[in-house]
Amino acid sequence: NGKPGSLKLDEIEKHHIISILEKTNGNKTKTAEILGIGLTTLYRKLQVYGLE
């Protein structure tokens, strides 16, 4: 919405991925399943966000 202090969608997604990874103890297969995305997509997002 452009307001100061608001998070961008990609920042929200990054934080959500981190949160799910923590809840699954780093299990990427389970994380992808919870997020409703393929494992390949998760790995791509991890690379984009520097989380590999």
PDB file of N, CA and C in Angstrom:
ATOM      1  N   ASN A   1       0.811  -1.199   0.000  1.00  0.00           N
ATOM      2  CA  ASN A   1       0.000   0.000   0.000  1.00  0.00           C
ATOM      3  C   ASN A   1       0.851   1.258   0.000  1.00  0.00           C
ATOM      4  N   GLY A   2       2.166   1.102   0.018  1.00  0.00           N
ATOM      5  CA  GLY A   2       3.056   2.236  -0.081  1.00  0.00           C
ATOM      6  C   GLY A   2       3.252   3.015   1.200  1.00  0.00           C
ATOM      7  N   LYS A   3       2.625   2.587   2.282  1.00  0.00           N
ATOM      8  CA  LYS A   3       2.785   3.292   3.548  1.00  0.00           C
ATOM      9  C   LYS A   3       4.143   2.967   4.153  1.00  0.00           C
ATOM     10  N   PRO A   4       4.777   3.945   4.792  1.00  0.00           N
ATOM     11  CA  PRO A   4       6.058   3.668   5.448  1.00  0.00           C
ATOM     12  C   PRO A   4       5.911   2.551   6.478  1.00  0.00           C
ATOM     13  N   GLY A   5       6.856   1.635   6.484  1.00  0.00           N
ATOM     14  CA  GLY A   5       6.813   0.545   7.439  1.00  0.00           C
ATOM     15  C   GLY A   5       6.039  -0.667   6.966  1.00  0.00           C
ATOM     16  N   SER A   6       5.395  -0.559   5.810  1.00  0.00           N
ATOM     17  CA  SER A   6       4.647  -1.711   5.310  1.00  0.00           C
ATOM     18  C   SER A   6       5.591  -2.665   4.591  1.00  0.00           C
ATOM     19  N   LEU A   7       5.298  -3.954   4.709  1.00  0.00           N
ATOM     20  CA  LEU A   7       6.130  -4.970   4.078  1.00  0.00           C
ATOM     21  C   LEU A   7       5.666  -5.213   2.652  1.00  0.00           C
ATOM     22  N   LYS A   8       6.624  -5.473   1.786  1.00  0.00           N
ATOM     23  CA  LYS A   8       6.301  -5.846   0.417  1.00  0.00           C
ATOM     24  C   LYS A   8       5.941  -7.324   0.402  1.00  0.00           C
ATOM     25  N   LEU A   9       5.221  -7.732  -0.637  1.00  0.00           N
ATOM     26  CA  LEU A   9       4.760  -9.110  -0.743  1.00  0.00           C
ATOM     27  C   LEU A   9       5.914 -10.101  -0.687  1.00  0.00           C
ATOM     28  N   ASP A  10       7.022  -9.799  -1.371  1.00  0.00           N
ATOM     29  CA  ASP A  10       8.151 -10.729  -1.353  1.00  0.00           C
ATOM     30  C   ASP A  10       8.767 -10.844   0.036  1.00  0.00           C
ATOM     31  N   GLU A  11       8.754  -9.761   0.806  1.00  0.00           N
ATOM     32  CA  GLU A  11       9.275  -9.814   2.176  1.00  0.00           C
ATOM     33  C   GLU A  11       8.374 -10.675   3.062  1.00  0.00           C
ATOM     34  N   ILE A  12       7.083 -10.554   2.858  1.00  0.00           N
ATOM     35  CA  ILE A  12       6.126 -11.365   3.613  1.00  0.00           C
ATOM     36  C   ILE A  12       6.323 -12.841   3.275  1.00  0.00           C
ATOM     37  N   GLU A  13       6.485 -13.129   1.982  1.00  0.00           N
ATOM     38  CA  GLU A  13       6.698 -14.512   1.550  1.00  0.00           C
ATOM     39  C   GLU A  13       7.975 -15.074   2.157  1.00  0.00           C
ATOM     40  N   LYS A  14       9.045 -14.300   2.139  1.00  0.00           N
ATOM     41  CA  LYS A  14      10.328 -14.739   2.705  1.00  0.00           C
ATOM     42  C   LYS A  14      10.170 -15.080   4.181  1.00  0.00           C
ATOM     43  N   HIS A  15       9.541 -14.201   4.939  1.00  0.00           N
ATOM     44  CA  HIS A  15       9.348 -14.439   6.373  1.00  0.00           C
ATOM     45  C   HIS A  15       8.463 -15.662   6.622  1.00  0.00           C
ATOM     46  N   HIS A  16       7.467 -15.862   5.760  1.00  0.00           N
ATOM     47  CA  HIS A  16       6.576 -17.017   5.904  1.00  0.00           C
ATOM     48  C   HIS A  16       7.346 -18.314   5.642  1.00  0.00           C
ATOM     49  N   ILE A  17       8.176 -18.315   4.612  1.00  0.00           N
ATOM     50  CA  ILE A  17       8.989 -19.499   4.314  1.00  0.00           C
ATOM     51  C   ILE A  17       9.911 -19.805   5.488  1.00  0.00           C
ATOM     52  N   ILE A  18      10.561 -18.785   6.029  1.00  0.00           N
ATOM     53  CA  ILE A  18      11.451 -18.978   7.180  1.00  0.00           C
ATOM     54  C   ILE A  18      10.671 -19.574   8.350  1.00  0.00           C
ATOM     55  N   SER A  19       9.489 -19.046   8.602  1.00  0.00           N
ATOM     56  CA  SER A  19       8.659 -19.525   9.706  1.00  0.00           C
ATOM     57  C   SER A  19       8.304 -21.002   9.542  1.00  0.00           C
ATOM     58  N   ILE A  20       7.901 -21.380   8.346  1.00  0.00           N
ATOM     59  CA  ILE A  20       7.528 -22.777   8.101  1.00  0.00           C
ATOM     60  C   ILE A  20       8.756 -23.676   8.187  1.00  0.00           C
ATOM     61  N   LEU A  21       9.890 -23.227   7.659  1.00  0.00           N
ATOM     62  CA  LEU A  21      11.124 -24.015   7.761  1.00  0.00           C
ATOM     63  C   LEU A  21      11.477 -24.272   9.226  1.00  0.00           C
ATOM     64  N   GLU A  22      11.302 -23.262  10.060  1.00  0.00           N
ATOM     65  CA  GLU A  22      11.588 -23.428  11.489  1.00  0.00           C
ATOM     66  C   GLU A  22      10.630 -24.443  12.113  1.00  0.00           C
ATOM     67  N   LYS A  23       9.356 -24.365  11.746  1.00  0.00           N
ATOM     68  CA  LYS A  23       8.360 -25.278  12.313  1.00  0.00           C
ATOM     69  C   LYS A  23       8.575 -26.719  11.873  1.00  0.00           C
ATOM     70  N   THR A  24       9.185 -26.906  10.690  1.00  0.00           N
ATOM     71  CA  THR A  24       9.429 -28.257  10.179  1.00  0.00           C
ATOM     72  C   THR A  24      10.874 -28.699  10.431  1.00  0.00           C
ATOM     73  N   ASN A  25      11.580 -27.944  11.266  1.00  0.00           N
ATOM     74  CA  ASN A  25      12.987 -28.253  11.570  1.00  0.00           C
ATOM     75  C   ASN A  25      13.833 -28.363  10.309  1.00  0.00           C
ATOM     76  N   GLY A  26      13.553 -27.494   9.345  1.00  0.00           N
ATOM     77  CA  GLY A  26      14.346 -27.443   8.122  1.00  0.00           C
ATOM     78  C   GLY A  26      13.964 -28.463   7.066  1.00  0.00           C
ATOM     79  N   ASN A  27      12.869 -29.190   7.282  1.00  0.00           N
ATOM     80  CA  ASN A  27      12.438 -30.200   6.316  1.00  0.00           C
ATOM     81  C   ASN A  27      11.815 -29.499   5.101  1.00  0.00           C
ATOM     82  N   LYS A  28      12.568 -29.472   4.009  1.00  0.00           N
ATOM     83  CA  LYS A  28      12.123 -28.740   2.825  1.00  0.00           C
ATOM     84  C   LYS A  28      10.939 -29.401   2.128  1.00  0.00           C
ATOM     85  N   THR A  29      10.900 -30.724   2.136  1.00  0.00           N
ATOM     86  CA  THR A  29       9.773 -31.424   1.519  1.00  0.00           C
ATOM     87  C   THR A  29       8.479 -31.085   2.246  1.00  0.00           C
ATOM     88  N   LYS A  30       8.509 -31.143   3.571  1.00  0.00           N
ATOM     89  CA  LYS A  30       7.330 -30.817   4.377  1.00  0.00           C
ATOM     90  C   LYS A  30       6.975 -29.333   4.238  1.00  0.00           C
ATOM     91  N   THR A  31       7.991 -28.473   4.194  1.00  0.00           N
ATOM     92  CA  THR A  31       7.756 -27.039   4.031  1.00  0.00           C
ATOM     93  C   THR A  31       7.029 -26.759   2.726  1.00  0.00           C
ATOM     94  N   ALA A  32       7.496 -27.355   1.638  1.00  0.00           N
ATOM     95  CA  ALA A  32       6.854 -27.162   0.337  1.00  0.00           C
ATOM     96  C   ALA A  32       5.409 -27.654   0.375  1.00  0.00           C
ATOM     97  N   GLU A  33       5.197 -28.787   1.029  1.00  0.00           N
ATOM     98  CA  GLU A  33       3.849 -29.355   1.143  1.00  0.00           C
ATOM     99  C   GLU A  33       2.923 -28.399   1.894  1.00  0.00           C
ATOM    100  N   ILE A  34       3.390 -27.866   3.013  1.00  0.00           N
ATOM    101  CA  ILE A  34       2.584 -26.934   3.813  1.00  0.00           C
ATOM    102  C   ILE A  34       2.273 -25.667   3.021  1.00  0.00           C
ATOM    103  N   LEU A  35       3.264 -25.190   2.268  1.00  0.00           N
ATOM    104  CA  LEU A  35       3.085 -23.967   1.480  1.00  0.00           C
ATOM    105  C   LEU A  35       2.245 -24.197   0.227  1.00  0.00           C
ATOM    106  N   GLY A  36       2.045 -25.467  -0.131  1.00  0.00           N
ATOM    107  CA  GLY A  36       1.261 -25.770  -1.322  1.00  0.00           C
ATOM    108  C   GLY A  36       2.013 -25.504  -2.612  1.00  0.00           C
ATOM    109  N   ILE A  37       3.344 -25.644  -2.560  1.00  0.00           N
ATOM    110  CA  ILE A  37       4.176 -25.435  -3.744  1.00  0.00           C
ATOM    111  C   ILE A  37       5.047 -26.665  -3.958  1.00  0.00           C
ATOM    112  N   GLY A  38       5.584 -26.786  -5.149  1.00  0.00           N
ATOM    113  CA  GLY A  38       6.478 -27.891  -5.443  1.00  0.00           C
ATOM    114  C   GLY A  38       7.840 -27.679  -4.803  1.00  0.00           C
ATOM    115  N   LEU A  39       8.555 -28.765  -4.619  1.00  0.00           N
ATOM    116  CA  LEU A  39       9.883 -28.695  -4.014  1.00  0.00           C
ATOM    117  C   LEU A  39      10.835 -27.859  -4.866  1.00  0.00           C
ATOM    118  N   THR A  40      10.738 -27.992  -6.189  1.00  0.00           N
ATOM    119  CA  THR A  40      11.583 -27.199  -7.084  1.00  0.00           C
ATOM    120  C   THR A  40      11.306 -25.712  -6.900  1.00  0.00           C
ATOM    121  N   THR A  41      10.043 -25.356  -6.768  1.00  0.00           N
ATOM    122  CA  THR A  41       9.665 -23.958  -6.549  1.00  0.00           C
ATOM    123  C   THR A  41      10.224 -23.453  -5.226  1.00  0.00           C
ATOM    124  N   LEU A  42      10.153 -24.280  -4.189  1.00  0.00           N
ATOM    125  CA  LEU A  42      10.702 -23.886  -2.894  1.00  0.00           C
ATOM    126  C   LEU A  42      12.197 -23.625  -3.011  1.00  0.00           C
ATOM    127  N   TYR A  43      12.926 -24.535  -3.656  1.00  0.00           N
ATOM    128  CA  TYR A  43      14.368 -24.345  -3.812  1.00  0.00           C
ATOM    129  C   TYR A  43      14.677 -23.065  -4.584  1.00  0.00           C
ATOM    130  N   ARG A  44      13.870 -22.753  -5.602  1.00  0.00           N
ATOM    131  CA  ARG A  44      14.078 -21.523  -6.364  1.00  0.00           C
ATOM    132  C   ARG A  44      13.854 -20.302  -5.473  1.00  0.00           C
ATOM    133  N   LYS A  45      12.803 -20.333  -4.668  1.00  0.00           N
ATOM    134  CA  LYS A  45      12.521 -19.216  -3.770  1.00  0.00           C
ATOM    135  C   LYS A  45      13.613 -19.071  -2.711  1.00  0.00           C
ATOM    136  N   LEU A  46      14.121 -20.187  -2.201  1.00  0.00           N
ATOM    137  CA  LEU A  46      15.211 -20.135  -1.224  1.00  0.00           C
ATOM    138  C   LEU A  46      16.433 -19.463  -1.837  1.00  0.00           C
ATOM    139  N   GLN A  47      16.697 -19.778  -3.092  1.00  0.00           N
ATOM    140  CA  GLN A  47      17.843 -19.174  -3.776  1.00  0.00           C
ATOM    141  C   GLN A  47      17.614 -17.677  -3.985  1.00  0.00           C
ATOM    142  N   VAL A  48      16.433 -17.314  -4.440  1.00  0.00           N
ATOM    143  CA  VAL A  48      16.104 -15.908  -4.686  1.00  0.00           C
ATOM    144  C   VAL A  48      16.227 -15.084  -3.403  1.00  0.00           C
ATOM    145  N   TYR A  49      15.774 -15.651  -2.293  1.00  0.00           N
ATOM    146  CA  TYR A  49      15.789 -14.934  -1.020  1.00  0.00           C
ATOM    147  C   TYR A  49      17.083 -15.123  -0.239  1.00  0.00           C
ATOM    148  N   GLY A  50      18.039 -15.845  -0.817  1.00  0.00           N
ATOM    149  CA  GLY A  50      19.323 -16.055  -0.148  1.00  0.00           C
ATOM    150  C   GLY A  50      19.214 -16.915   1.095  1.00  0.00           C
ATOM    151  N   LEU A  51      18.321 -17.893   1.067  1.00  0.00           N
ATOM    152  CA  LEU A  51      18.072 -18.734   2.236  1.00  0.00           C
ATOM    153  C   LEU A  51      18.618 -20.146   2.077  1.00  0.00           C
ATOM    154  N   GLU A  52      19.393 -20.391   1.038  1.00  0.00           N
ATOM    155  CA  GLU A  52      19.884 -21.755   0.800  1.00  0.00           C
ATOM    156  C   GLU A  52      20.924 -22.180   1.791  1.00  0.00           C
TER     157      GLU A  52
END
